[in-house]
Amino acid sequence: MAPRRNAGAGRAEGLRLRHRLRPAGGCRAVNALRIGIDVGGTNTDAVVVDDSGTVVAATKAATTPDPFDGIRAALQRVVAGVDTSAITQAMLGTTHPANAIIQRRDLGRVGVLRIAAPSSLAVRPGAAWPQDLLDVVHGPSAIIGGGFEYDGTEIARLDVEAVRKFTARCAGEVSAIAITSPFSPASPDHELRAAKIIAEELGPDFPVSLSHQVGALGLLERENATTLNASLLGVAERVVLGFHSALAGHGLSVASYLTQNDGTLMTAEEAVRFPILTVGSGPTNSMRGAGALAGLTDALVIDVGGTSSDVGILVDGFPRESSAAVEVGGVRTNFRMPDLISIGLGGGTVVRPGPDGPRIGPDSVGYRVVDEALVRGGQTLTLSDISVRAGRLAGFGDADRLSEVDPSMVSAALAWVDERIQVMCERMKASRSELPLIAVGGGSHLVPDTVPGVSEVLRPEHYSVANAFGAAIAEASGAVDRVYRYEPKGREACLEEARALARAAAERAGADPCRLRITSVHEVPLSYLPGKTCRVQVKAAGPLAGTAR
């Protein structure tokens, strides 16, 4: 698909050249290559990127009913003609975990243990879950004595006997256990002790998810996230095994990573333990890739696929995080997720005649648009056909097949598209000031050349595989979310401790310790607690160890 380019594209090219990653002495040879793959609902995209940030090869393959067939097809195309011996890393962004939750498919049954009695007996685990998901995921649950206050004060002693009784109830009934206790990101001792008891009773290899390793502060949301994580462990193992199998099938024995919700990386081994941290990676990859390709760190981004469109905003090169609680499959969580607006608008969206104008969507032919669109010889009028008829999209099929499409329907459909894109952009902006809009994704031909309230529309080179590019250039990160009492230790000492913890977490994730940087520090005063108490959130990020500058 080849959309028309606008004047902003030249500016983007110049910016991009100034913002390329530059190799530096003492690092790996600059001809080392990385593969980025992103599995979407319509297409599986793949790129090969060198250490300077240049795209060496790129391809799109239709996402298949078995997603790994699409991954293998994309890999086969993208490495053709590339020196595979120079490939040292591979990054994957995938919708597998999110789809498993949304479709209530392939999820494991989980025992849920909350160490918080007597302070949290009023609300049982899973109380606000959708019933159909609760029936699939929740096994035995219990609230037992234990837990800590924000400052490390013990609420109650850990009820060791209750842990053993709960473990006996779970034996043979669940595939994993999720453990949660109050303020465990700051004081995880009771979670760790309970996990040790479970290992003694059920064996050291029995899967256990601990909330202090999964979520931030907020007991119920963290418990939800930990339970979902435990239910996804089998899905994650299959994803990683399939990814490694696809790489091995092309003779690639390389370091492998999966992208996280915040646009950074985790090792494949970590992804097997924490699959819930990948559920929002798709839109984040697109936004990070769009900003890097356009050479911009602050911009609106719209990613238009075959089924839906996402609009977000980049701030200092990272997606702005949502301040609202994020729901995953109808379950409230507290992850770092991008602030997005999504609607059913894509290249495969179905267009039908109606008494008051065209009826557009919300259904879509998705990846079948290459066969079912009128312009491709199919029988379904889609927004891609509308775009071809209007001259926004070229090279996608035989435009003569659209001669009987009513011009008034084309105009009305485009007006509908343009209005919704404008509204999404206005809703996403934090002020009236105009920002550039970067249009990416296979369906971005639907984005008009001018959008009211937007300074310019940019379509950078390789716009259609921005999501895979975002995966390929992703960095490793670490974060800490703790409550500190500034007295008597002092504010700066507390903040420096949080920064050190975040840096250490980023190093464990694979970041080069020499090039780590603190990307955000947030302090939230807790006026209802004594001693100048603050909730402190710090994030550190940096390039993977061994990559060029």
Protein backbone atom coordinates (compact mmCIF):
# COMPACT_ATOMS: atom_id res chain seq x y z
CA MET A 1 0.00 0.00 0.00
CA ALA A 2 1.43 3.37 -0.97
CA PRO A 3 -0.35 6.45 0.40
CA ARG A 4 0.38 9.90 -0.89
CA ARG A 5 3.09 11.80 0.94
CA ASN A 6 2.86 15.38 2.13
CA ALA A 7 5.26 18.24 2.69
CA GLY A 8 5.81 17.21 6.30
CA ALA A 9 7.48 13.97 5.21
CA GLY A 10 10.60 15.78 4.03
CA ARG A 11 10.91 17.57 7.36
CA ALA A 12 10.54 14.25 9.16
CA GLU A 13 13.36 12.76 7.10
CA GLY A 14 15.71 15.58 8.10
CA LEU A 15 14.80 15.25 11.75
CA ARG A 16 15.23 11.52 11.62
CA LEU A 17 18.77 11.81 10.30
CA ARG A 18 19.69 14.05 13.21
CA HIS A 19 18.19 11.69 15.76
CA ARG A 20 19.62 8.37 14.59
CA LEU A 21 21.31 6.17 17.14
CA ARG A 22 25.05 6.60 16.78
CA PRO A 23 27.66 3.88 17.34
CA ALA A 24 30.44 4.54 19.82
CA GLY A 25 33.86 3.15 20.49
CA GLY A 26 34.11 0.15 22.78
CA CYS A 27 30.72 -1.24 21.73
CA ARG A 28 29.75 -4.07 19.49
CA ALA A 29 30.56 -3.84 15.77
CA VAL A 30 28.16 -1.47 14.01
CA ASN A 31 27.08 -4.12 11.52
CA ALA A 32 25.31 -6.05 14.29
CA LEU A 33 21.61 -6.40 13.51
CA ARG A 34 18.38 -6.71 15.50
CA ILE A 35 15.03 -8.14 14.46
CA GLY A 36 11.78 -6.55 15.58
CA ILE A 37 8.47 -8.41 15.15
CA ASP A 38 4.99 -7.24 16.09
CA VAL A 39 1.93 -9.48 15.86
CA GLY A 40 -1.24 -7.50 15.26
CA GLY A 41 -4.80 -8.54 14.63
CA THR A 42 -4.42 -7.99 10.88
CA ASN A 43 -0.71 -8.11 10.04
CA THR A 44 2.49 -9.50 11.48
CA ASP A 45 5.25 -6.99 10.77
CA ALA A 46 8.99 -7.57 10.89
CA VAL A 47 12.06 -5.39 10.45
CA VAL A 48 15.81 -5.81 10.59
CA VAL A 49 17.57 -2.78 12.09
CA ASP A 50 21.28 -2.06 12.39
CA ASP A 51 23.08 -0.31 15.23
CA SER A 52 22.70 3.11 13.61
CA GLY A 53 18.91 2.80 13.74
CA THR A 54 18.60 2.23 10.00
CA VAL A 55 16.00 -0.20 8.67
CA VAL A 56 17.87 -2.84 6.65
CA ALA A 57 14.79 -4.87 5.69
CA ALA A 58 11.06 -4.73 6.40
CA THR A 59 8.01 -6.81 5.56
CA LYS A 60 4.35 -7.38 6.38
CA ALA A 61 2.67 -10.78 6.49
CA ALA A 62 -0.98 -11.53 7.19
CA THR A 63 -1.65 -12.66 10.76
CA THR A 64 -2.86 -16.24 10.55
CA PRO A 65 -5.27 -18.27 12.72
CA ASP A 66 -2.14 -19.81 14.20
CA PRO A 67 -0.12 -16.61 14.86
CA PHE A 68 3.18 -18.46 14.71
CA ASP A 69 2.59 -19.24 11.04
CA GLY A 70 2.48 -15.47 10.49
CA ILE A 71 5.65 -15.00 12.54
CA ARG A 72 7.47 -17.68 10.52
CA ALA A 73 6.31 -16.14 7.23
CA ALA A 74 7.41 -12.66 8.29
CA LEU A 75 10.78 -13.96 9.47
CA GLN A 76 11.37 -15.84 6.23
CA ARG A 77 10.76 -12.71 4.19
CA VAL A 78 12.65 -10.23 6.34
CA VAL A 79 15.88 -12.23 6.67
CA ALA A 80 16.04 -13.11 2.96
CA GLY A 81 19.19 -11.48 1.64
CA VAL A 82 20.35 -10.45 5.14
CA ASP A 83 23.55 -11.75 6.73
CA THR A 84 21.91 -13.74 9.53
CA SER A 85 25.25 -14.26 11.27
CA ALA A 86 25.19 -10.54 12.12
CA ILE A 87 21.81 -10.79 13.90
CA THR A 88 22.36 -10.82 17.65
CA GLN A 89 18.97 -9.92 19.16
CA ALA A 90 15.29 -10.45 18.40
CA MET A 91 12.36 -8.55 19.93
CA LEU A 92 8.70 -9.63 19.83
CA GLY A 93 5.56 -7.66 20.51
CA THR A 94 2.52 -9.90 20.64
CA THR A 95 -1.21 -9.80 21.33
CA HIS A 96 -1.32 -13.41 22.61
CA PRO A 97 -1.77 -12.65 26.33
CA ALA A 98 -4.29 -9.86 25.75
CA ASN A 99 -6.31 -11.99 23.34
CA ALA A 100 -6.32 -14.91 25.77
CA ILE A 101 -7.93 -12.69 28.44
CA ILE A 102 -10.38 -11.00 26.08
CA GLN A 103 -11.48 -14.28 24.52
CA ARG A 104 -11.38 -16.23 27.83
CA ARG A 105 -9.23 -18.83 26.08
CA ASP A 106 -6.28 -21.00 27.20
CA LEU A 107 -6.26 -19.45 30.68
CA GLY A 108 -5.11 -21.46 33.68
CA ARG A 109 -7.09 -21.90 36.90
CA VAL A 110 -5.56 -19.98 39.80
CA GLY A 111 -5.61 -20.26 43.58
CA VAL A 112 -5.80 -16.75 45.08
CA LEU A 113 -4.19 -16.12 48.47
CA ARG A 114 -4.48 -12.70 50.10
CA ILE A 115 -2.30 -12.13 53.18
CA ALA A 116 -4.20 -9.22 54.71
CA ALA A 117 -6.51 -10.36 57.51
CA PRO A 118 -8.04 -8.87 59.52
CA SER A 119 -7.82 -5.61 57.54
CA SER A 120 -9.42 -6.66 54.22
CA LEU A 121 -12.11 -9.22 54.96
CA ALA A 122 -14.92 -7.04 53.60
CA VAL A 123 -14.01 -7.53 49.90
CA ARG A 124 -13.33 -11.01 48.63
CA PRO A 125 -10.83 -11.70 45.82
CA GLY A 126 -12.38 -11.31 42.36
CA ALA A 127 -15.42 -9.43 43.69
CA ALA A 128 -15.62 -7.05 40.72
CA TRP A 129 -14.54 -9.49 37.98
CA PRO A 130 -16.83 -10.31 35.04
CA GLN A 131 -18.57 -13.55 35.97
CA ASP A 132 -17.49 -15.44 32.83
CA LEU A 133 -13.82 -14.65 33.48
CA LEU A 134 -14.16 -15.38 37.18
CA ASP A 135 -15.60 -18.83 36.38
CA VAL A 136 -12.64 -19.64 34.14
CA VAL A 137 -9.76 -18.30 36.25
CA HIS A 138 -10.63 -18.30 39.95
CA GLY A 139 -10.07 -21.49 41.91
CA PRO A 140 -9.86 -21.70 45.72
CA SER A 141 -9.31 -18.35 47.47
CA ALA A 142 -8.55 -17.31 51.03
CA ILE A 143 -7.79 -14.21 53.11
CA ILE A 144 -5.39 -15.05 55.91
CA GLY A 145 -3.56 -13.21 58.67
CA GLY A 146 -0.50 -11.14 57.83
CA GLY A 147 0.69 -8.14 55.83
CA PHE A 148 2.50 -4.86 56.47
CA GLU A 149 1.71 -1.16 56.72
CA TYR A 150 3.32 1.33 54.30
CA ASP A 151 6.23 1.89 56.70
CA GLY A 152 7.00 -1.81 57.23
CA THR A 153 5.01 -2.20 60.44
CA GLU A 154 3.52 -5.70 60.62
CA ILE A 155 -0.29 -5.73 60.55
CA ALA A 156 -0.38 -9.26 61.89
CA ARG A 157 1.90 -12.27 61.99
CA LEU A 158 1.83 -14.49 58.93
CA ASP A 159 -0.59 -17.35 59.58
CA VAL A 160 1.69 -20.17 58.49
CA GLU A 161 -0.85 -22.91 59.23
CA ALA A 162 -3.45 -21.12 57.06
CA VAL A 163 -0.95 -21.05 54.18
CA ARG A 164 -0.51 -24.82 54.46
CA LYS A 165 -4.26 -25.45 54.61
CA PHE A 166 -4.83 -23.25 51.56
CA THR A 167 -2.05 -25.04 49.68
CA ALA A 168 -3.72 -28.39 50.41
CA ARG A 169 -6.99 -27.06 48.95
CA CYS A 170 -5.18 -26.04 45.77
CA ALA A 171 -3.34 -29.32 45.19
CA GLY A 172 -4.59 -30.85 41.96
CA GLU A 173 -7.17 -28.06 41.50
CA VAL A 174 -5.14 -25.19 40.03
CA SER A 175 -2.27 -24.63 37.62
CA ALA A 176 -0.77 -21.73 39.62
CA ILE A 177 -1.20 -19.68 42.81
CA ALA A 178 -1.29 -15.88 43.12
CA ILE A 179 -0.16 -14.30 46.42
CA THR A 180 -0.90 -10.70 47.43
CA SER A 181 -0.34 -8.70 50.63
CA PRO A 182 -0.66 -4.98 51.52
CA PHE A 183 2.27 -2.73 50.60
CA SER A 184 4.28 -5.74 49.45
CA PRO A 185 6.25 -3.66 46.86
CA ALA A 186 7.87 -2.10 49.95
CA SER A 187 7.71 -5.08 52.34
CA PRO A 188 7.50 -8.42 50.48
CA ASP A 189 8.56 -10.68 53.38
CA HIS A 190 5.17 -12.38 53.94
CA GLU A 191 4.68 -13.07 50.22
CA LEU A 192 8.14 -14.63 50.02
CA ARG A 193 7.59 -16.76 53.11
CA ALA A 194 4.21 -17.99 51.81
CA ALA A 195 5.80 -18.88 48.47
CA LYS A 196 8.48 -20.88 50.27
CA ILE A 197 5.81 -22.86 52.13
CA ILE A 198 3.95 -23.57 48.88
CA ALA A 199 7.19 -24.78 47.31
CA GLU A 200 7.71 -27.14 50.24
CA GLU A 201 4.18 -28.53 49.88
CA LEU A 202 3.74 -28.64 46.06
CA GLY A 203 7.33 -28.75 44.85
CA PRO A 204 9.87 -26.10 43.87
CA ASP A 205 8.64 -25.92 40.26
CA PHE A 206 4.98 -25.22 41.06
CA PRO A 207 4.12 -21.81 39.49
CA VAL A 208 3.55 -18.97 41.97
CA SER A 209 2.99 -15.29 41.10
CA LEU A 210 3.92 -12.75 43.80
CA SER A 211 2.21 -9.38 43.65
CA HIS A 212 5.26 -7.31 44.62
CA GLN A 213 6.93 -8.53 41.42
CA VAL A 214 3.92 -7.77 39.22
CA GLY A 215 2.06 -4.59 40.16
CA ALA A 216 2.38 -1.26 41.92
CA LEU A 217 0.70 -0.02 45.09
CA GLY A 218 -3.05 -0.58 45.37
CA LEU A 219 -4.03 -3.87 46.98
CA LEU A 220 -7.07 -4.95 44.96
CA GLU A 221 -5.73 -3.83 41.58
CA ARG A 222 -2.41 -5.53 42.28
CA GLU A 223 -4.21 -8.70 43.34
CA ASN A 224 -6.20 -8.66 40.10
CA ALA A 225 -3.05 -8.20 38.04
CA THR A 226 -1.23 -10.98 39.88
CA THR A 227 -4.14 -13.38 39.40
CA LEU A 228 -4.32 -12.61 35.67
CA ASN A 229 -0.56 -13.05 35.45
CA ALA A 230 -0.79 -16.49 37.05
CA SER A 231 -3.55 -17.49 34.63
CA LEU A 232 -1.36 -16.54 31.66
CA LEU A 233 1.76 -18.51 32.57
CA GLY A 234 0.90 -21.38 30.21
CA VAL A 235 0.11 -18.96 27.37
CA ALA A 236 3.43 -17.18 27.91
CA GLU A 237 5.40 -20.41 27.85
CA ARG A 238 3.83 -21.37 24.52
CA VAL A 239 4.53 -17.90 23.09
CA VAL A 240 8.21 -17.99 24.04
CA LEU A 241 8.67 -21.57 22.85
CA GLY A 242 6.97 -20.71 19.56
CA PHE A 243 9.13 -17.59 19.15
CA HIS A 244 12.31 -19.54 19.81
CA SER A 245 11.17 -22.28 17.44
CA ALA A 246 10.55 -19.73 14.68
CA LEU A 247 13.99 -18.20 15.23
CA ALA A 248 15.69 -21.60 15.32
CA GLY A 249 13.93 -22.56 12.10
CA HIS A 250 15.93 -19.82 10.40
CA GLY A 251 19.19 -20.73 12.10
CA LEU A 252 19.01 -17.85 14.57
CA SER A 253 20.39 -18.47 18.05
CA VAL A 254 20.13 -14.97 19.50
CA ALA A 255 19.17 -13.15 22.68
CA SER A 256 15.38 -12.81 22.67
CA TYR A 257 13.11 -10.25 24.30
CA LEU A 258 9.43 -9.33 24.51
CA THR A 259 8.13 -5.78 24.66
CA GLN A 260 6.30 -4.50 27.72
CA ASN A 261 3.31 -2.21 28.21
CA ASP A 262 5.53 0.85 28.72
CA GLY A 263 7.53 0.40 25.50
CA THR A 264 10.58 -1.22 27.05
CA LEU A 265 11.90 -4.80 27.00
CA MET A 266 11.95 -7.86 29.17
CA THR A 267 13.93 -11.01 28.48
CA ALA A 268 12.03 -13.99 27.14
CA GLU A 269 12.72 -15.77 30.42
CA GLU A 270 11.15 -12.90 32.37
CA ALA A 271 8.19 -12.83 29.99
CA VAL A 272 7.40 -16.43 30.92
CA ARG A 273 7.10 -15.31 34.55
CA PHE A 274 5.35 -11.98 33.97
CA PRO A 275 3.20 -12.21 30.83
CA ILE A 276 0.66 -9.68 32.12
CA LEU A 277 3.29 -6.97 31.64
CA THR A 278 3.06 -7.43 27.84
CA VAL A 279 -0.70 -7.03 27.30
CA GLY A 280 -0.49 -3.40 26.13
CA SER A 281 2.71 -3.61 24.13
CA GLY A 282 1.22 -3.32 20.63
CA PRO A 283 0.12 0.34 20.69
CA THR A 284 3.22 1.30 22.66
CA ASN A 285 5.52 -0.25 20.04
CA SER A 286 3.75 1.73 17.32
CA MET A 287 4.07 5.02 19.19
CA ARG A 288 7.73 4.55 20.06
CA GLY A 289 8.49 3.43 16.52
CA ALA A 290 6.57 6.34 15.02
CA GLY A 291 8.48 8.89 17.08
CA ALA A 292 11.85 7.36 16.23
CA LEU A 293 11.10 7.12 12.51
CA ALA A 294 9.89 10.73 12.39
CA GLY A 295 12.70 12.00 14.60
CA LEU A 296 10.27 13.52 17.10
CA THR A 297 9.96 13.12 20.85
CA ASP A 298 6.73 15.09 21.34
CA ALA A 299 3.84 14.44 18.96
CA LEU A 300 0.44 12.90 18.49
CA VAL A 301 0.52 9.43 16.96
CA ILE A 302 -2.25 7.60 15.15
CA ASP A 303 -1.82 3.93 14.33
CA VAL A 304 -4.39 2.70 11.83
CA GLY A 305 -4.55 -1.05 11.28
CA GLY A 306 -6.99 -3.28 9.47
CA THR A 307 -9.57 -3.30 12.26
CA SER A 308 -9.01 -0.38 14.62
CA SER A 309 -7.20 2.90 15.18
CA ASP A 310 -5.31 4.05 18.28
CA VAL A 311 -4.39 7.66 19.02
CA GLY A 312 -1.86 8.49 21.71
CA ILE A 313 0.65 11.18 22.56
CA LEU A 314 4.43 11.03 22.94
CA VAL A 315 6.12 13.00 25.71
CA ASP A 316 9.93 12.95 25.71
CA GLY A 317 9.87 9.94 23.39
CA PHE A 318 7.61 7.74 25.54
CA PRO A 319 3.83 7.35 25.42
CA ARG A 320 2.03 9.42 28.02
CA GLU A 321 0.83 7.02 30.69
CA SER A 322 -2.82 6.77 31.57
CA SER A 323 -3.72 8.35 34.91
CA ALA A 324 -6.88 6.25 35.11
CA ALA A 325 -7.05 2.65 36.25
CA VAL A 326 -6.59 0.33 33.29
CA GLU A 327 -9.03 -2.50 32.70
CA VAL A 328 -7.79 -5.70 31.08
CA GLY A 329 -10.62 -7.93 29.89
CA GLY A 330 -13.00 -6.11 32.25
CA VAL A 331 -10.67 -6.43 35.28
CA ARG A 332 -9.32 -3.32 36.98
CA THR A 333 -5.51 -3.21 37.25
CA ASN A 334 -2.85 -0.57 37.99
CA PHE A 335 -0.28 -1.09 35.24
CA ARG A 336 1.81 1.51 33.50
CA MET A 337 -0.23 1.62 30.29
CA PRO A 338 -0.27 4.21 27.50
CA ASP A 339 -3.05 6.78 27.46
CA LEU A 340 -4.95 5.82 24.29
CA ILE A 341 -8.21 6.41 22.51
CA SER A 342 -9.26 3.51 20.29
CA ILE A 343 -12.10 3.18 17.81
CA GLY A 344 -13.21 0.66 15.20
CA LEU A 345 -11.72 2.36 12.15
CA GLY A 346 -9.32 0.47 9.89
CA GLY A 347 -8.52 -0.49 6.35
CA GLY A 348 -10.75 -3.55 6.58
CA THR A 349 -13.74 -1.77 8.14
CA VAL A 350 -16.90 -2.72 6.25
CA VAL A 351 -18.95 0.01 4.52
CA ARG A 352 -22.63 -0.56 3.74
CA PRO A 353 -25.26 1.68 2.14
CA GLY A 354 -27.88 3.08 4.51
CA PRO A 355 -30.99 5.25 4.29
CA ASP A 356 -29.17 8.28 5.77
CA GLY A 357 -25.74 7.67 4.30
CA PRO A 358 -23.18 4.88 4.57
CA ARG A 359 -23.09 2.62 7.63
CA ILE A 360 -19.45 2.17 8.57
CA GLY A 361 -18.29 -0.69 10.79
CA PRO A 362 -17.82 -1.59 13.50
CA ASP A 363 -17.13 -4.98 11.89
CA SER A 364 -14.05 -5.50 9.77
CA VAL A 365 -12.70 -8.13 7.42
CA GLY A 366 -9.32 -7.65 9.14
CA TYR A 367 -6.39 -9.41 7.49
CA ARG A 368 -8.76 -10.77 4.81
CA VAL A 369 -8.94 -7.29 3.28
CA VAL A 370 -6.31 -8.37 0.73
CA ASP A 371 -8.81 -10.90 -0.63
CA GLU A 372 -12.27 -9.55 0.25
CA ALA A 373 -11.98 -5.84 -0.69
CA LEU A 374 -13.67 -4.93 -3.96
CA VAL A 375 -10.47 -3.45 -5.32
CA ARG A 376 -8.80 -6.85 -4.84
CA GLY A 377 -11.55 -8.79 -6.58
CA GLY A 378 -13.59 -9.55 -3.45
CA GLN A 379 -17.22 -8.87 -2.62
CA THR A 380 -16.98 -6.48 0.36
CA LEU A 381 -16.84 -2.68 0.25
CA THR A 382 -14.23 -1.58 2.79
CA LEU A 383 -12.61 1.67 3.83
CA SER A 384 -9.57 0.62 1.78
CA ASP A 385 -11.82 0.64 -1.31
CA ILE A 386 -13.07 4.10 -0.30
CA SER A 387 -9.49 5.29 0.07
CA VAL A 388 -8.50 3.95 -3.35
CA ARG A 389 -11.57 5.52 -4.98
CA ALA A 390 -10.75 8.88 -3.41
CA GLY A 391 -7.08 8.78 -4.42
CA ARG A 392 -5.70 8.44 -0.92
CA LEU A 393 -4.32 4.96 -1.55
CA ALA A 394 -2.49 3.76 -4.66
CA GLY A 395 -1.11 0.41 -5.74
CA PHE A 396 -3.50 -1.74 -3.73
CA GLY A 397 -5.50 -3.29 -6.56
CA ASP A 398 -7.50 -2.54 -9.68
CA ALA A 399 -9.22 0.81 -9.19
CA ASP A 400 -11.45 0.08 -12.21
CA ARG A 401 -13.35 -2.42 -10.07
CA LEU A 402 -14.68 0.53 -8.08
CA SER A 403 -16.28 2.38 -10.99
CA GLU A 404 -19.78 1.60 -9.74
CA VAL A 405 -19.21 2.85 -6.19
CA ASP A 406 -21.38 5.95 -5.69
CA PRO A 407 -19.17 9.08 -5.37
CA SER A 408 -21.53 10.47 -2.76
CA MET A 409 -20.93 7.38 -0.60
CA VAL A 410 -17.19 7.89 -0.95
CA SER A 411 -17.45 11.54 0.15
CA ALA A 412 -19.69 10.70 3.10
CA ALA A 413 -17.46 7.85 4.26
CA LEU A 414 -14.33 10.01 4.11
CA ALA A 415 -16.12 12.80 6.00
CA TRP A 416 -16.98 10.26 8.71
CA VAL A 417 -13.34 9.11 8.89
CA ASP A 418 -11.92 12.64 8.95
CA GLU A 419 -14.30 13.80 11.67
CA ARG A 420 -13.45 10.90 13.97
CA ILE A 421 -9.72 11.34 13.52
CA GLN A 422 -10.05 15.04 14.38
CA VAL A 423 -12.13 14.29 17.48
CA MET A 424 -9.66 11.64 18.67
CA CYS A 425 -6.74 14.05 18.29
CA GLU A 426 -8.54 16.85 20.13
CA ARG A 427 -9.47 14.55 22.99
CA MET A 428 -5.90 13.35 23.34
CA LYS A 429 -4.25 16.78 23.52
CA ALA A 430 -3.66 18.29 26.94
CA SER A 431 -3.82 21.88 25.63
CA ARG A 432 -4.95 23.89 22.62
CA SER A 433 -1.42 24.14 21.25
CA GLU A 434 -0.93 22.34 17.97
CA LEU A 435 1.28 19.27 17.73
CA PRO A 436 2.38 17.27 14.68
CA LEU A 437 0.47 14.06 13.99
CA ILE A 438 2.51 11.01 12.95
CA ALA A 439 0.41 8.56 10.92
CA VAL A 440 1.59 4.95 10.93
CA GLY A 441 0.21 1.49 10.30
CA GLY A 442 -1.02 -0.29 7.20
CA GLY A 443 -4.30 1.65 7.25
CA SER A 444 -2.78 5.11 7.71
CA HIS A 445 -3.72 6.01 4.14
CA LEU A 446 -7.09 6.87 5.68
CA VAL A 447 -5.58 9.83 7.56
CA PRO A 448 -6.11 13.08 5.62
CA ASP A 449 -3.19 15.37 4.75
CA THR A 450 -4.54 18.09 7.04
CA VAL A 451 -6.33 17.70 10.36
CA PRO A 452 -7.77 20.72 12.20
CA GLY A 453 -5.87 21.38 15.42
CA VAL A 454 -2.77 19.53 14.15
CA SER A 455 0.29 21.44 12.94
CA GLU A 456 1.14 18.91 10.23
CA VAL A 457 0.61 15.28 9.29
CA LEU A 458 3.79 13.23 8.91
CA ARG A 459 4.16 9.84 7.24
CA PRO A 460 7.77 8.80 7.84
CA GLU A 461 9.59 6.23 5.80
CA HIS A 462 8.64 2.67 6.88
CA TYR A 463 5.45 4.07 8.43
CA SER A 464 3.60 0.79 7.83
CA VAL A 465 5.95 -1.24 10.08
CA ALA A 466 6.41 1.33 12.84
CA ASN A 467 5.23 -1.19 15.44
CA ALA A 468 7.96 -3.69 14.54
CA PHE A 469 10.52 -0.87 14.42
CA GLY A 470 9.41 0.24 17.88
CA ALA A 471 10.03 -3.28 19.15
CA ALA A 472 13.48 -3.40 17.51
CA ILE A 473 14.70 -0.15 19.09
CA ALA A 474 13.13 -0.68 22.52
CA GLU A 475 15.27 -0.24 25.62
CA ALA A 476 15.35 -2.11 28.91
CA SER A 477 13.83 -0.45 31.96
CA GLY A 478 13.19 -0.78 35.67
CA ALA A 479 10.76 0.96 37.99
CA VAL A 480 10.07 1.36 41.68
CA ASP A 481 6.82 2.40 43.37
CA ARG A 482 7.18 2.84 47.13
CA VAL A 483 5.92 4.92 50.03
CA TYR A 484 8.66 6.84 51.87
CA ARG A 485 8.60 8.77 55.14
CA TYR A 486 10.99 11.66 54.49
CA GLU A 487 11.61 12.29 58.18
CA PRO A 488 14.16 11.81 59.65
CA LYS A 489 16.10 10.37 56.69
CA GLY A 490 15.50 13.34 54.40
CA ARG A 491 13.82 13.75 51.03
CA GLU A 492 16.96 13.57 48.86
CA ALA A 493 18.22 10.43 50.56
CA CYS A 494 14.85 8.72 49.98
CA LEU A 495 14.73 9.80 46.33
CA GLU A 496 18.29 8.62 45.74
CA GLU A 497 17.41 5.23 47.23
CA ALA A 498 14.43 4.98 44.85
CA ARG A 499 16.63 5.95 41.89
CA ALA A 500 19.17 3.27 42.84
CA LEU A 501 16.43 0.64 43.09
CA ALA A 502 15.09 1.63 39.66
CA ARG A 503 18.57 1.49 38.11
CA ALA A 504 19.16 -1.94 39.64
CA ALA A 505 15.85 -3.19 38.22
CA ALA A 506 16.80 -1.88 34.76
CA GLU A 507 20.18 -3.63 34.95
CA ARG A 508 18.43 -6.90 35.80
CA ALA A 509 16.27 -6.36 32.71
CA GLY A 510 19.42 -6.18 30.55
CA ALA A 511 20.18 -2.44 30.35
CA ASP A 512 23.76 -1.23 29.99
CA PRO A 513 24.62 0.17 33.45
CA CYS A 514 26.92 2.78 31.90
CA ARG A 515 24.11 4.30 29.84
CA LEU A 516 21.19 4.14 32.22
CA ARG A 517 19.16 7.29 32.76
CA ILE A 518 16.31 8.20 35.07
CA THR A 519 13.34 8.94 32.79
CA SER A 520 10.74 9.95 35.38
CA VAL A 521 10.38 10.76 39.06
CA HIS A 522 6.92 11.33 40.55
CA GLU A 523 6.19 12.29 44.14
CA VAL A 524 2.66 12.14 45.51
CA PRO A 525 2.40 13.63 49.04
CA LEU A 526 0.19 11.55 51.35
CA SER A 527 -1.11 14.26 53.68
CA TYR A 528 -3.18 11.81 55.71
CA LEU A 529 -0.04 10.00 56.89
CA PRO A 530 2.54 11.37 59.37
CA GLY A 531 6.17 12.29 58.84
CA LYS A 532 6.09 14.02 55.43
CA THR A 533 5.10 10.78 53.72
CA CYS A 534 5.17 10.49 49.91
CA ARG A 535 4.45 7.88 47.32
CA VAL A 536 7.54 7.85 45.07
CA GLN A 537 7.54 6.41 41.54
CA VAL A 538 10.84 6.29 39.65
CA LYS A 539 11.61 4.79 36.27
CA ALA A 540 15.04 4.13 34.72
CA ALA A 541 15.75 3.08 31.14
CA GLY A 542 18.71 2.47 28.90
CA PRO A 543 19.92 0.62 25.78
CA LEU A 544 20.53 -3.10 26.02
CA ALA A 545 24.03 -4.02 27.09
CA GLY A 546 26.20 -4.55 24.03
CA THR A 547 24.33 -2.24 21.65
CA ALA A 548 25.99 0.75 20.06
CA ARG A 549 25.20 4.27 21.14
